[in-house]
Amino acid sequence: MTRQLRIEPDGVAIDAADHDSILQAARRGGVSLAYECGWGSCGACKLTLVDGEVELMFPGAPAVNPRDARRDRILACQSRAISDIIVARGPGDWSAPAPRCIEQQAILLAVEDLAPEIRQFSFETAEPIAFRPGQYAILHLGVGLRRCYSMSNLPGSRLLQFIAKRYDGGRGSNALAALAPGARLTIEAPFGACTLRREPGRKVFVAGGTGVAPILAMLREAAAARLDFEAPVDVLYGARTPADLAAGDMLAAAVARIPYARHLPVVEIAPESWPHASGFVTAAITSTIAEPAAAEFYVAGPPVMVNAVKALLRSADVPITQVHYDSFG
């Protein structure tokens, strides 16, 4: 069954399949809507419901709040139409033209343990999906169950690799963790604008937990393209303990191929023999980066960490145009 979705003030009308989110239907129809995270954390995709009914697909989405319900504001990424609907976006509710949504069936080739409850999942799609390192995909893990994961590998083949953690009580993470090689699912991509700018200049990459996936992809891009930024490149990778630095070896290998780059692991709980920085990654940034405003930052990880880093950079007068981030749970 399809529903008609009309977007005001544009007056554009598109069809939405019964299982589509509003954002998914819009992208499939070639309509650009603002979004950042794609899973209900940031709130960047909120629209006003003018007419019709929608169902919230992820009631626990962090960006959902009672005030929005009173104002008929809905999350495009986590709402689906259950009747014909009309939504309105404000003057700022737009993004760069989006490519048409690409959905493909994929088969799980392999699962590799990287750290406690953290695994690398390798999928093969029927055809290559074009994406830029730093972008992410939506994995369809069940009826009404979609979750976002960043690709950690480079584009150009049918391989898509994701680094994900299983959380107690997390429907999406547990559904992914339960998959065995041979399992098939739908993958929708690409999403996201946190991608590498190749211009020369000081670069700082900050990864927290499984946020290492998009950071690793961008560093692999720089290494494969033999980019020389003609300035220092610092890569900070934060986790709770050394054992939780899931992709440390892969990250170090990419960093070693980039001129003027150094790998700086940071852990909150460090053993006495730990030779690197300890504490929160924000403290490591403060102690490592003498002139933050002269650097371009790429930040990926849990919302608490990303928000703390963004606040630190604001206080250091780093222009917002020099901060690119991907925030997810």
C-alpha atoms as a PDB file:
ATOM      1  CA  MET A   1       0.000   0.000   0.000  1.00  0.00           C
ATOM      2  CA  THR A   2       1.227   3.513  -0.774  1.00  0.00           C
ATOM      3  CA  ARG A   3       0.316   6.872   0.738  1.00  0.00           C
ATOM      4  CA  GLN A   4       0.657  10.282  -0.827  1.00  0.00           C
ATOM      5  CA  LEU A   5       3.143  12.595   0.848  1.00  0.00           C
ATOM      6  CA  ARG A   6       2.902  16.285  -0.014  1.00  0.00           C
ATOM      7  CA  ILE A   7       5.621  18.674   1.097  1.00  0.00           C
ATOM      8  CA  GLU A   8       4.821  22.356   1.571  1.00  0.00           C
ATOM      9  CA  PRO A   9       5.561  25.083   0.634  1.00  0.00           C
ATOM     10  CA  ASP A  10       7.060  23.289  -2.396  1.00  0.00           C
ATOM     11  CA  GLY A  11       3.831  21.517  -3.278  1.00  0.00           C
ATOM     12  CA  VAL A  12       5.812  18.413  -4.260  1.00  0.00           C
ATOM     13  CA  ALA A  13       3.810  15.186  -4.029  1.00  0.00           C
ATOM     14  CA  ILE A  14       5.430  11.759  -3.860  1.00  0.00           C
ATOM     15  CA  ASP A  15       4.316   8.240  -3.024  1.00  0.00           C
ATOM     16  CA  ALA A  16       5.400   6.648   0.238  1.00  0.00           C
ATOM     17  CA  ALA A  17       5.357   2.883   0.623  1.00  0.00           C
ATOM     18  CA  ASP A  18       3.678   1.573   3.747  1.00  0.00           C
ATOM     19  CA  HIS A  19       7.003   0.696   5.373  1.00  0.00           C
ATOM     20  CA  ASP A  20       8.840   3.918   4.370  1.00  0.00           C
ATOM     21  CA  SER A  21       9.860   6.630   6.772  1.00  0.00           C
ATOM     22  CA  ILE A  22       9.077  10.119   5.474  1.00  0.00           C
ATOM     23  CA  LEU A  23      12.786  10.775   4.976  1.00  0.00           C
ATOM     24  CA  GLN A  24      13.217   7.486   3.136  1.00  0.00           C
ATOM     25  CA  ALA A  25      10.265   8.185   0.841  1.00  0.00           C
ATOM     26  CA  ALA A  26      11.518  11.696   0.114  1.00  0.00           C
ATOM     27  CA  ARG A  27      15.021  10.499  -0.754  1.00  0.00           C
ATOM     28  CA  ARG A  28      13.624   7.776  -2.985  1.00  0.00           C
ATOM     29  CA  GLY A  29      11.588  10.448  -4.750  1.00  0.00           C
ATOM     30  CA  GLY A  30      14.627  12.690  -5.192  1.00  0.00           C
ATOM     31  CA  VAL A  31      13.395  15.298  -2.686  1.00  0.00           C
ATOM     32  CA  SER A  32      15.972  16.902  -0.389  1.00  0.00           C
ATOM     33  CA  LEU A  33      15.076  17.141   3.289  1.00  0.00           C
ATOM     34  CA  ALA A  34      17.392  18.210   6.064  1.00  0.00           C
ATOM     35  CA  TYR A  35      18.834  15.442   8.208  1.00  0.00           C
ATOM     36  CA  GLU A  36      22.022  14.553  10.058  1.00  0.00           C
ATOM     37  CA  CYS A  37      21.933  11.355  12.082  1.00  0.00           C
ATOM     38  CA  GLY A  38      19.102   9.476  10.339  1.00  0.00           C
ATOM     39  CA  TRP A  39      18.072   7.535  13.464  1.00  0.00           C
ATOM     40  CA  GLY A  40      16.277  10.070  15.681  1.00  0.00           C
ATOM     41  CA  SER A  41      19.027  11.552  17.810  1.00  0.00           C
ATOM     42  CA  CYS A  42      19.689  15.040  16.437  1.00  0.00           C
ATOM     43  CA  GLY A  43      16.253  16.386  15.470  1.00  0.00           C
ATOM     44  CA  ALA A  44      17.556  18.063  12.301  1.00  0.00           C
ATOM     45  CA  CYS A  45      14.854  16.392  10.175  1.00  0.00           C
ATOM     46  CA  LYS A  46      11.813  17.667  12.109  1.00  0.00           C
ATOM     47  CA  LEU A  47       8.841  18.764  10.005  1.00  0.00           C
ATOM     48  CA  THR A  48       5.370  20.107  10.816  1.00  0.00           C
ATOM     49  CA  LEU A  49       2.505  17.694  10.242  1.00  0.00           C
ATOM     50  CA  VAL A  50      -0.202  19.780   8.561  1.00  0.00           C
ATOM     51  CA  ASP A  51      -2.718  17.053   7.780  1.00  0.00           C
ATOM     52  CA  GLY A  52      -3.034  13.299   8.061  1.00  0.00           C
ATOM     53  CA  GLU A  53      -1.669  10.729  10.485  1.00  0.00           C
ATOM     54  CA  VAL A  54       1.764   9.287  11.084  1.00  0.00           C
ATOM     55  CA  GLU A  55       3.196   6.545  13.268  1.00  0.00           C
ATOM     56  CA  LEU A  56       6.417   6.963  15.218  1.00  0.00           C
ATOM     57  CA  MET A  57       8.613   4.004  14.319  1.00  0.00           C
ATOM     58  CA  PHE A  58      11.129   4.531  17.156  1.00  0.00           C
ATOM     59  CA  PRO A  59       9.270   5.826  20.250  1.00  0.00           C
ATOM     60  CA  GLY A  60      12.531   5.940  22.209  1.00  0.00           C
ATOM     61  CA  ALA A  61      14.265   8.278  19.761  1.00  0.00           C
ATOM     62  CA  PRO A  62      16.238  10.832  21.814  1.00  0.00           C
ATOM     63  CA  ALA A  63      14.979  13.796  19.754  1.00  0.00           C
ATOM     64  CA  VAL A  64      11.301  13.072  20.539  1.00  0.00           C
ATOM     65  CA  ASN A  65       9.831  15.432  23.141  1.00  0.00           C
ATOM     66  CA  PRO A  66       6.337  16.414  24.378  1.00  0.00           C
ATOM     67  CA  ARG A  67       6.702  20.013  23.191  1.00  0.00           C
ATOM     68  CA  ASP A  68       7.069  18.824  19.597  1.00  0.00           C
ATOM     69  CA  ALA A  69       3.939  16.704  19.914  1.00  0.00           C
ATOM     70  CA  ARG A  70       1.945  19.772  20.997  1.00  0.00           C
ATOM     71  CA  ARG A  71       3.271  21.688  17.971  1.00  0.00           C
ATOM     72  CA  ASP A  72       2.709  18.787  15.522  1.00  0.00           C
ATOM     73  CA  ARG A  73       6.446  18.549  14.887  1.00  0.00           C
ATOM     74  CA  ILE A  74       7.560  15.094  13.745  1.00  0.00           C
ATOM     75  CA  LEU A  75      10.810  13.320  12.973  1.00  0.00           C
ATOM     76  CA  ALA A  76      11.006  12.602   9.256  1.00  0.00           C
ATOM     77  CA  CYS A  77      13.547   9.835   9.798  1.00  0.00           C
ATOM     78  CA  GLN A  78      11.402   7.910  12.278  1.00  0.00           C
ATOM     79  CA  SER A  79       7.820   8.664  11.196  1.00  0.00           C
ATOM     80  CA  ARG A  80       5.820   6.788   8.581  1.00  0.00           C
ATOM     81  CA  ALA A  81       2.530   7.832   7.016  1.00  0.00           C
ATOM     82  CA  ILE A  82      -0.544   5.795   7.907  1.00  0.00           C
ATOM     83  CA  SER A  83      -2.757   8.011   5.731  1.00  0.00           C
ATOM     84  CA  ASP A  84      -2.178  10.537   2.983  1.00  0.00           C
ATOM     85  CA  ILE A  85      -0.287  13.359   4.675  1.00  0.00           C
ATOM     86  CA  ILE A  86       0.820  16.933   4.197  1.00  0.00           C
ATOM     87  CA  VAL A  87       3.999  18.129   5.913  1.00  0.00           C
ATOM     88  CA  ALA A  88       5.617  21.549   5.935  1.00  0.00           C
ATOM     89  CA  ARG A  89       9.225  22.487   6.254  1.00  0.00           C
ATOM     90  CA  GLY A  90      10.495  25.877   7.326  1.00  0.00           C
ATOM     91  CA  PRO A  91      12.905  28.110   5.381  1.00  0.00           C
ATOM     92  CA  GLY A  92      15.897  26.372   6.969  1.00  0.00           C
ATOM     93  CA  ASP A  93      14.572  22.825   6.636  1.00  0.00           C
ATOM     94  CA  TRP A  94      16.560  21.899   3.539  1.00  0.00           C
ATOM     95  CA  SER A  95      19.786  20.221   2.612  1.00  0.00           C
ATOM     96  CA  ALA A  96      21.966  19.865  -0.458  1.00  0.00           C
ATOM     97  CA  PRO A  97      20.304  17.923  -3.292  1.00  0.00           C
ATOM     98  CA  ALA A  98      20.132  14.306  -2.258  1.00  0.00           C
ATOM     99  CA  PRO A  99      20.880  11.403  -4.577  1.00  0.00           C
ATOM    100  CA  ARG A 100      17.986   9.060  -5.087  1.00  0.00           C
ATOM    101  CA  CYS A 101      17.797   6.455  -2.392  1.00  0.00           C
ATOM    102  CA  ILE A 102      19.608   3.229  -3.229  1.00  0.00           C
ATOM    103  CA  GLU A 103      18.385   0.033  -1.586  1.00  0.00           C
ATOM    104  CA  GLN A 104      20.039  -3.308  -2.158  1.00  0.00           C
ATOM    105  CA  GLN A 105      19.860  -6.763  -0.754  1.00  0.00           C
ATOM    106  CA  ALA A 106      23.082  -7.754   0.980  1.00  0.00           C
ATOM    107  CA  ILE A 107      24.487 -10.979   2.353  1.00  0.00           C
ATOM    108  CA  LEU A 108      26.538 -11.140   5.536  1.00  0.00           C
ATOM    109  CA  LEU A 109      29.913 -12.634   4.633  1.00  0.00           C
ATOM    110  CA  ALA A 110      31.744 -12.570   7.954  1.00  0.00           C
ATOM    111  CA  VAL A 111      31.640 -11.370  11.550  1.00  0.00           C
ATOM    112  CA  GLU A 112      34.870 -10.566  13.393  1.00  0.00           C
ATOM    113  CA  ASP A 113      35.229  -9.877  17.111  1.00  0.00           C
ATOM    114  CA  LEU A 114      37.247  -6.693  17.666  1.00  0.00           C
ATOM    115  CA  ALA A 115      36.633  -5.968  21.369  1.00  0.00           C
ATOM    116  CA  PRO A 116      34.159  -6.940  24.097  1.00  0.00           C
ATOM    117  CA  GLU A 117      30.714  -6.733  22.436  1.00  0.00           C
ATOM    118  CA  ILE A 118      32.197  -4.915  19.413  1.00  0.00           C
ATOM    119  CA  ARG A 119      32.309  -6.663  16.043  1.00  0.00           C
ATOM    120  CA  GLN A 120      33.095  -5.935  12.427  1.00  0.00           C
ATOM    121  CA  PHE A 121      30.332  -7.012  10.028  1.00  0.00           C
ATOM    122  CA  SER A 122      31.252  -7.554   6.366  1.00  0.00           C
ATOM    123  CA  PHE A 123      28.402  -7.495   3.845  1.00  0.00           C
ATOM    124  CA  GLU A 124      28.360  -8.029   0.094  1.00  0.00           C
ATOM    125  CA  THR A 125      25.790  -6.192  -2.020  1.00  0.00           C
ATOM    126  CA  ALA A 126      24.487  -7.241  -5.421  1.00  0.00           C
ATOM    127  CA  GLU A 127      26.066  -4.171  -7.039  1.00  0.00           C
ATOM    128  CA  PRO A 128      28.579  -1.617  -5.708  1.00  0.00           C
ATOM    129  CA  ILE A 129      26.993   1.252  -3.763  1.00  0.00           C
ATOM    130  CA  ALA A 130      28.675   4.585  -4.388  1.00  0.00           C
ATOM    131  CA  PHE A 131      29.486   6.432  -1.179  1.00  0.00           C
ATOM    132  CA  ARG A 132      32.081   8.765   0.276  1.00  0.00           C
ATOM    133  CA  PRO A 133      34.211   7.644   3.232  1.00  0.00           C
ATOM    134  CA  GLY A 134      32.609   9.028   6.372  1.00  0.00           C
ATOM    135  CA  GLN A 135      29.051   8.346   5.203  1.00  0.00           C
ATOM    136  CA  TYR A 136      26.710   5.744   6.649  1.00  0.00           C
ATOM    137  CA  ALA A 137      23.998   3.280   5.696  1.00  0.00           C
ATOM    138  CA  ILE A 138      20.669   2.278   7.167  1.00  0.00           C
ATOM    139  CA  LEU A 139      20.390  -1.443   7.840  1.00  0.00           C
ATOM    140  CA  HIS A 140      16.882  -2.945   7.802  1.00  0.00           C
ATOM    141  CA  LEU A 141      17.071  -5.315  10.761  1.00  0.00           C
ATOM    142  CA  GLY A 142      13.394  -6.235  11.060  1.00  0.00           C
ATOM    143  CA  VAL A 143       9.892  -4.895  10.511  1.00  0.00           C
ATOM    144  CA  GLY A 144      10.052  -1.217  11.393  1.00  0.00           C
ATOM    145  CA  LEU A 145      13.561  -1.709  12.778  1.00  0.00           C
ATOM    146  CA  ARG A 146      16.227   0.354  10.993  1.00  0.00           C
ATOM    147  CA  ARG A 147      19.545   1.448  12.408  1.00  0.00           C
ATOM    148  CA  CYS A 148      22.418   3.549  11.052  1.00  0.00           C
ATOM    149  CA  TYR A 149      26.007   2.322  10.823  1.00  0.00           C
ATOM    150  CA  SER A 150      28.986   4.017   9.188  1.00  0.00           C
ATOM    151  CA  MET A 151      31.048   2.236   6.577  1.00  0.00           C
ATOM    152  CA  SER A 152      34.645   1.670   7.708  1.00  0.00           C
ATOM    153  CA  ASN A 153      35.987   0.464   4.350  1.00  0.00           C
ATOM    154  CA  LEU A 154      36.598   2.305   1.088  1.00  0.00           C
ATOM    155  CA  PRO A 155      34.075   2.407  -1.782  1.00  0.00           C
ATOM    156  CA  GLY A 156      34.601   0.859  -5.183  1.00  0.00           C
ATOM    157  CA  SER A 157      33.518  -2.725  -4.590  1.00  0.00           C
ATOM    158  CA  ARG A 158      30.487  -4.678  -3.411  1.00  0.00           C
ATOM    159  CA  LEU A 159      31.916  -4.864   0.129  1.00  0.00           C
ATOM    160  CA  LEU A 160      30.423  -2.819   2.977  1.00  0.00           C
ATOM    161  CA  GLN A 161      31.982  -3.131   6.436  1.00  0.00           C
ATOM    162  CA  PHE A 162      30.533  -1.811   9.689  1.00  0.00           C
ATOM    163  CA  ILE A 163      31.873  -1.695  13.240  1.00  0.00           C
ATOM    164  CA  ALA A 164      29.091  -2.023  15.782  1.00  0.00           C
ATOM    165  CA  LYS A 165      28.628  -2.600  19.492  1.00  0.00           C
ATOM    166  CA  ARG A 166      25.930  -4.699  21.105  1.00  0.00           C
ATOM    167  CA  TYR A 167      24.104  -2.895  23.905  1.00  0.00           C
ATOM    168  CA  ASP A 168      22.006  -4.621  26.559  1.00  0.00           C
ATOM    169  CA  GLY A 169      18.385  -3.850  25.751  1.00  0.00           C
ATOM    170  CA  GLY A 170      19.232  -2.339  22.371  1.00  0.00           C
ATOM    171  CA  ARG A 171      16.792  -3.793  19.819  1.00  0.00           C
ATOM    172  CA  GLY A 172      18.845  -2.769  16.808  1.00  0.00           C
ATOM    173  CA  SER A 173      22.263  -3.710  18.136  1.00  0.00           C
ATOM    174  CA  ASN A 174      20.990  -7.076  19.388  1.00  0.00           C
ATOM    175  CA  ALA A 175      19.302  -7.831  16.065  1.00  0.00           C
ATOM    176  CA  LEU A 176      22.549  -7.104  14.234  1.00  0.00           C
ATOM    177  CA  ALA A 177      24.631  -9.105  16.719  1.00  0.00           C
ATOM    178  CA  ALA A 178      22.325 -12.101  16.248  1.00  0.00           C
ATOM    179  CA  LEU A 179      23.024 -12.313  12.508  1.00  0.00           C
ATOM    180  CA  ALA A 180      25.211 -15.150  11.273  1.00  0.00           C
ATOM    181  CA  PRO A 181      27.148 -15.361   7.999  1.00  0.00           C
ATOM    182  CA  GLY A 182      24.727 -16.076   5.185  1.00  0.00           C
ATOM    183  CA  ALA A 183      22.005 -13.816   6.583  1.00  0.00           C
ATOM    184  CA  ARG A 184      20.384 -11.452   4.094  1.00  0.00           C
ATOM    185  CA  LEU A 185      18.966  -7.987   4.678  1.00  0.00           C
ATOM    186  CA  THR A 186      18.281  -4.679   2.943  1.00  0.00           C
ATOM    187  CA  ILE A 187      20.876  -1.909   3.093  1.00  0.00           C
ATOM    188  CA  GLU A 188      19.970   1.674   2.204  1.00  0.00           C
ATOM    189  CA  ALA A 189      22.757   4.156   1.420  1.00  0.00           C
ATOM    190  CA  PRO A 190      24.415   6.581   1.341  1.00  0.00           C
ATOM    191  CA  PHE A 191      23.621   9.100   4.073  1.00  0.00           C
ATOM    192  CA  GLY A 192      25.666  11.751   5.845  1.00  0.00           C
ATOM    193  CA  ALA A 193      27.787  14.794   5.114  1.00  0.00           C
ATOM    194  CA  CYS A 194      30.713  14.215   7.496  1.00  0.00           C
ATOM    195  CA  THR A 195      33.237  13.512   4.749  1.00  0.00           C
ATOM    196  CA  LEU A 196      36.865  14.433   4.185  1.00  0.00           C
ATOM    197  CA  ARG A 197      37.805  17.817   2.760  1.00  0.00           C
ATOM    198  CA  ARG A 198      41.051  17.233   0.894  1.00  0.00           C
ATOM    199  CA  GLU A 199      42.441  20.775   1.067  1.00  0.00           C
ATOM    200  CA  PRO A 200      45.830  21.167   2.788  1.00  0.00           C
ATOM    201  CA  GLY A 201      45.825  22.316   6.393  1.00  0.00           C
ATOM    202  CA  ARG A 202      45.908  21.152  10.018  1.00  0.00           C
ATOM    203  CA  LYS A 203      43.537  18.214  10.617  1.00  0.00           C
ATOM    204  CA  VAL A 204      42.308  16.704  13.875  1.00  0.00           C
ATOM    205  CA  PHE A 205      40.264  13.487  13.884  1.00  0.00           C
ATOM    206  CA  VAL A 206      38.443  12.523  17.093  1.00  0.00           C
ATOM    207  CA  ALA A 207      36.790   9.105  17.412  1.00  0.00           C
ATOM    208  CA  GLY A 208      34.918   7.704  20.384  1.00  0.00           C
ATOM    209  CA  GLY A 209      33.980   4.024  20.644  1.00  0.00           C
ATOM    210  CA  THR A 210      32.505   2.707  17.405  1.00  0.00           C
ATOM    211  CA  GLY A 211      32.737   6.244  16.021  1.00  0.00           C
ATOM    212  CA  VAL A 212      36.075   4.951  14.829  1.00  0.00           C
ATOM    213  CA  ALA A 213      34.313   3.521  11.740  1.00  0.00           C
ATOM    214  CA  PRO A 214      33.812   6.761   9.752  1.00  0.00           C
ATOM    215  CA  ILE A 215      37.119   8.180  11.010  1.00  0.00           C
ATOM    216  CA  LEU A 216      38.895   5.014   9.860  1.00  0.00           C
ATOM    217  CA  ALA A 217      37.244   5.262   6.429  1.00  0.00           C
ATOM    218  CA  MET A 218      38.359   8.884   5.968  1.00  0.00           C
ATOM    219  CA  LEU A 219      41.912   8.087   7.028  1.00  0.00           C
ATOM    220  CA  ARG A 220      41.974   5.122   4.670  1.00  0.00           C
ATOM    221  CA  GLU A 221      40.866   7.509   1.924  1.00  0.00           C
ATOM    222  CA  ALA A 222      43.708   9.901   2.734  1.00  0.00           C
ATOM    223  CA  ALA A 223      46.215   7.055   2.809  1.00  0.00           C
ATOM    224  CA  ALA A 224      45.010   5.450  -0.437  1.00  0.00           C
ATOM    225  CA  ALA A 225      45.029   8.804  -2.255  1.00  0.00           C
ATOM    226  CA  ARG A 226      48.455   9.622  -0.822  1.00  0.00           C
ATOM    227  CA  LEU A 227      47.174  12.949   0.425  1.00  0.00           C
ATOM    228  CA  ASP A 228      49.691  15.332   1.928  1.00  0.00           C
ATOM    229  CA  PHE A 229      47.913  17.935   4.024  1.00  0.00           C
ATOM    230  CA  GLU A 230      51.227  19.804   4.430  1.00  0.00           C
ATOM    231  CA  ALA A 231      50.468  20.185   8.143  1.00  0.00           C
ATOM    232  CA  PRO A 232      50.181  18.028  11.283  1.00  0.00           C
ATOM    233  CA  VAL A 233      47.382  15.456  11.423  1.00  0.00           C
ATOM    234  CA  ASP A 234      46.341  14.232  14.886  1.00  0.00           C
ATOM    235  CA  VAL A 235      44.078  11.208  15.329  1.00  0.00           C
ATOM    236  CA  LEU A 236      42.605  10.832  18.822  1.00  0.00           C
ATOM    237  CA  TYR A 237      40.765   7.589  19.547  1.00  0.00           C
ATOM    238  CA  GLY A 238      38.980   7.428  22.891  1.00  0.00           C
ATOM    239  CA  ALA A 239      37.467   4.470  24.727  1.00  0.00           C
ATOM    240  CA  ARG A 240      36.782   3.340  28.274  1.00  0.00           C
ATOM    241  CA  THR A 241      39.720   0.888  28.552  1.00  0.00           C
ATOM    242  CA  PRO A 242      42.547  -0.253  26.267  1.00  0.00           C
ATOM    243  CA  ALA A 243      40.561  -3.418  25.492  1.00  0.00           C
ATOM    244  CA  ASP A 244      37.745  -1.254  24.122  1.00  0.00           C
ATOM    245  CA  LEU A 245      39.933   0.348  21.420  1.00  0.00           C
ATOM    246  CA  ALA A 246      38.307  -1.943  18.893  1.00  0.00           C
ATOM    247  CA  ALA A 247      39.998  -0.841  15.692  1.00  0.00           C
ATOM    248  CA  GLY A 248      43.233   0.512  17.100  1.00  0.00           C
ATOM    249  CA  ASP A 249      45.515  -1.573  14.899  1.00  0.00           C
ATOM    250  CA  MET A 250      43.612  -0.734  11.716  1.00  0.00           C
ATOM    251  CA  LEU A 251      43.602   2.945  12.633  1.00  0.00           C
ATOM    252  CA  ALA A 252      47.325   2.954  13.369  1.00  0.00           C
ATOM    253  CA  ALA A 253      48.039   1.271  10.023  1.00  0.00           C
ATOM    254  CA  ALA A 254      46.149   3.996   8.131  1.00  0.00           C
ATOM    255  CA  VAL A 255      47.757   6.790  10.145  1.00  0.00           C
ATOM    256  CA  ALA A 256      51.228   5.417   9.414  1.00  0.00           C
ATOM    257  CA  ARG A 257      50.660   6.043   5.684  1.00  0.00           C
ATOM    258  CA  ILE A 258      49.737   9.731   6.057  1.00  0.00           C
ATOM    259  CA  PRO A 259      52.520  12.360   6.220  1.00  0.00           C
ATOM    260  CA  TYR A 260      52.814  14.269   9.507  1.00  0.00           C
ATOM    261  CA  ALA A 261      50.115  12.111  11.124  1.00  0.00           C
ATOM    262  CA  ARG A 262      50.174  10.589  14.598  1.00  0.00           C
ATOM    263  CA  HIS A 263      47.881   8.129  16.354  1.00  0.00           C
ATOM    264  CA  LEU A 264      46.889   9.169  19.897  1.00  0.00           C
ATOM    265  CA  PRO A 265      44.860   6.571  21.849  1.00  0.00           C
ATOM    266  CA  VAL A 266      43.038   7.849  24.952  1.00  0.00           C
ATOM    267  CA  VAL A 267      41.334   5.728  27.635  1.00  0.00           C
ATOM    268  CA  GLU A 268      39.269   6.726  30.644  1.00  0.00           C
ATOM    269  CA  ILE A 269      40.542   3.868  32.818  1.00  0.00           C
ATOM    270  CA  ALA A 270      44.233   3.248  32.235  1.00  0.00           C
ATOM    271  CA  PRO A 271      46.476   0.561  33.752  1.00  0.00           C
ATOM    272  CA  GLU A 272      49.789   1.662  35.246  1.00  0.00           C
ATOM    273  CA  SER A 273      51.649   0.448  32.177  1.00  0.00           C
ATOM    274  CA  TRP A 274      49.509   2.491  29.749  1.00  0.00           C
ATOM    275  CA  PRO A 275      51.917   4.668  27.691  1.00  0.00           C
ATOM    276  CA  HIS A 276      49.367   7.059  26.236  1.00  0.00           C
ATOM    277  CA  ALA A 277      46.890   9.707  27.447  1.00  0.00           C
ATOM    278  CA  SER A 278      44.204   8.863  29.998  1.00  0.00           C
ATOM    279  CA  GLY A 279      40.966  10.594  30.944  1.00  0.00           C
ATOM    280  CA  PHE A 280      38.318  12.069  28.683  1.00  0.00           C
ATOM    281  CA  VAL A 281      39.086  12.796  25.061  1.00  0.00           C
ATOM    282  CA  THR A 282      38.264  16.486  25.601  1.00  0.00           C
ATOM    283  CA  ALA A 283      41.172  16.780  28.008  1.00  0.00           C
ATOM    284  CA  ALA A 284      43.435  15.114  25.445  1.00  0.00           C
ATOM    285  CA  ILE A 285      42.361  17.662  22.834  1.00  0.00           C
ATOM    286  CA  THR A 286      43.170  20.526  25.190  1.00  0.00           C
ATOM    287  CA  SER A 287      46.598  19.134  26.028  1.00  0.00           C
ATOM    288  CA  THR A 288      47.442  18.177  22.420  1.00  0.00           C
ATOM    289  CA  ILE A 289      46.099  20.950  20.194  1.00  0.00           C
ATOM    290  CA  ALA A 290      47.817  24.257  20.927  1.00  0.00           C
ATOM    291  CA  GLU A 291      45.750  26.334  18.458  1.00  0.00           C
ATOM    292  CA  PRO A 292      42.358  24.664  17.886  1.00  0.00           C
ATOM    293  CA  ALA A 293      41.033  27.547  15.785  1.00  0.00           C
ATOM    294  CA  ALA A 294      43.764  26.844  13.218  1.00  0.00           C
ATOM    295  CA  ALA A 295      42.621  23.237  12.698  1.00  0.00           C
ATOM    296  CA  GLU A 296      39.804  21.440  10.936  1.00  0.00           C
ATOM    297  CA  PHE A 297      38.055  18.849  13.123  1.00  0.00           C
ATOM    298  CA  TYR A 298      36.327  15.576  12.255  1.00  0.00           C
ATOM    299  CA  VAL A 299      34.437  14.112  15.221  1.00  0.00           C
ATOM    300  CA  ALA A 300      32.448  10.862  15.443  1.00  0.00           C
ATOM    301  CA  GLY A 301      31.076   8.917  18.380  1.00  0.00           C
ATOM    302  CA  PRO A 302      28.344   8.842  21.032  1.00  0.00           C
ATOM    303  CA  PRO A 303      26.252  12.015  21.442  1.00  0.00           C
ATOM    304  CA  VAL A 304      27.667  12.780  24.899  1.00  0.00           C
ATOM    305  CA  MET A 305      31.235  12.766  23.583  1.00  0.00           C
ATOM    306  CA  VAL A 306      30.437  14.622  20.372  1.00  0.00           C
ATOM    307  CA  ASN A 307      28.511  17.316  22.252  1.00  0.00           C
ATOM    308  CA  ALA A 308      31.354  17.728  24.759  1.00  0.00           C
ATOM    309  CA  VAL A 309      33.894  18.125  21.950  1.00  0.00           C
ATOM    310  CA  LYS A 310      31.679  20.604  20.106  1.00  0.00           C
ATOM    311  CA  ALA A 311      31.268  22.672  23.290  1.00  0.00           C
ATOM    312  CA  LEU A 312      35.034  22.647  23.826  1.00  0.00           C
ATOM    313  CA  LEU A 313      35.662  23.792  20.266  1.00  0.00           C
ATOM    314  CA  ARG A 314      33.066  26.566  20.565  1.00  0.00           C
ATOM    315  CA  SER A 315      34.783  27.843  23.684  1.00  0.00           C
ATOM    316  CA  ALA A 316      38.078  27.801  21.770  1.00  0.00           C
ATOM    317  CA  ASP A 317      36.525  29.946  18.991  1.00  0.00           C
ATOM    318  CA  VAL A 318      36.817  27.228  16.360  1.00  0.00           C
ATOM    319  CA  PRO A 319      34.577  28.317  13.456  1.00  0.00           C
ATOM    320  CA  ILE A 320      31.615  25.997  12.951  1.00  0.00           C
ATOM    321  CA  THR A 321      32.661  25.598   9.307  1.00  0.00           C
ATOM    322  CA  GLN A 322      35.792  23.818  10.562  1.00  0.00           C
ATOM    323  CA  VAL A 323      33.889  21.211  12.587  1.00  0.00           C
ATOM    324  CA  HIS A 324      32.419  18.142  10.866  1.00  0.00           C
ATOM    325  CA  TYR A 325      30.735  15.555  13.061  1.00  0.00           C
ATOM    326  CA  ASP A 326      28.682  12.381  13.146  1.00  0.00           C
ATOM    327  CA  SER A 327      26.778  11.762  16.369  1.00  0.00           C
ATOM    328  CA  PHE A 328      25.178   8.402  17.108  1.00  0.00           C
ATOM    329  CA  GLY A 329      24.496   5.929  19.863  1.00  0.00           C
END
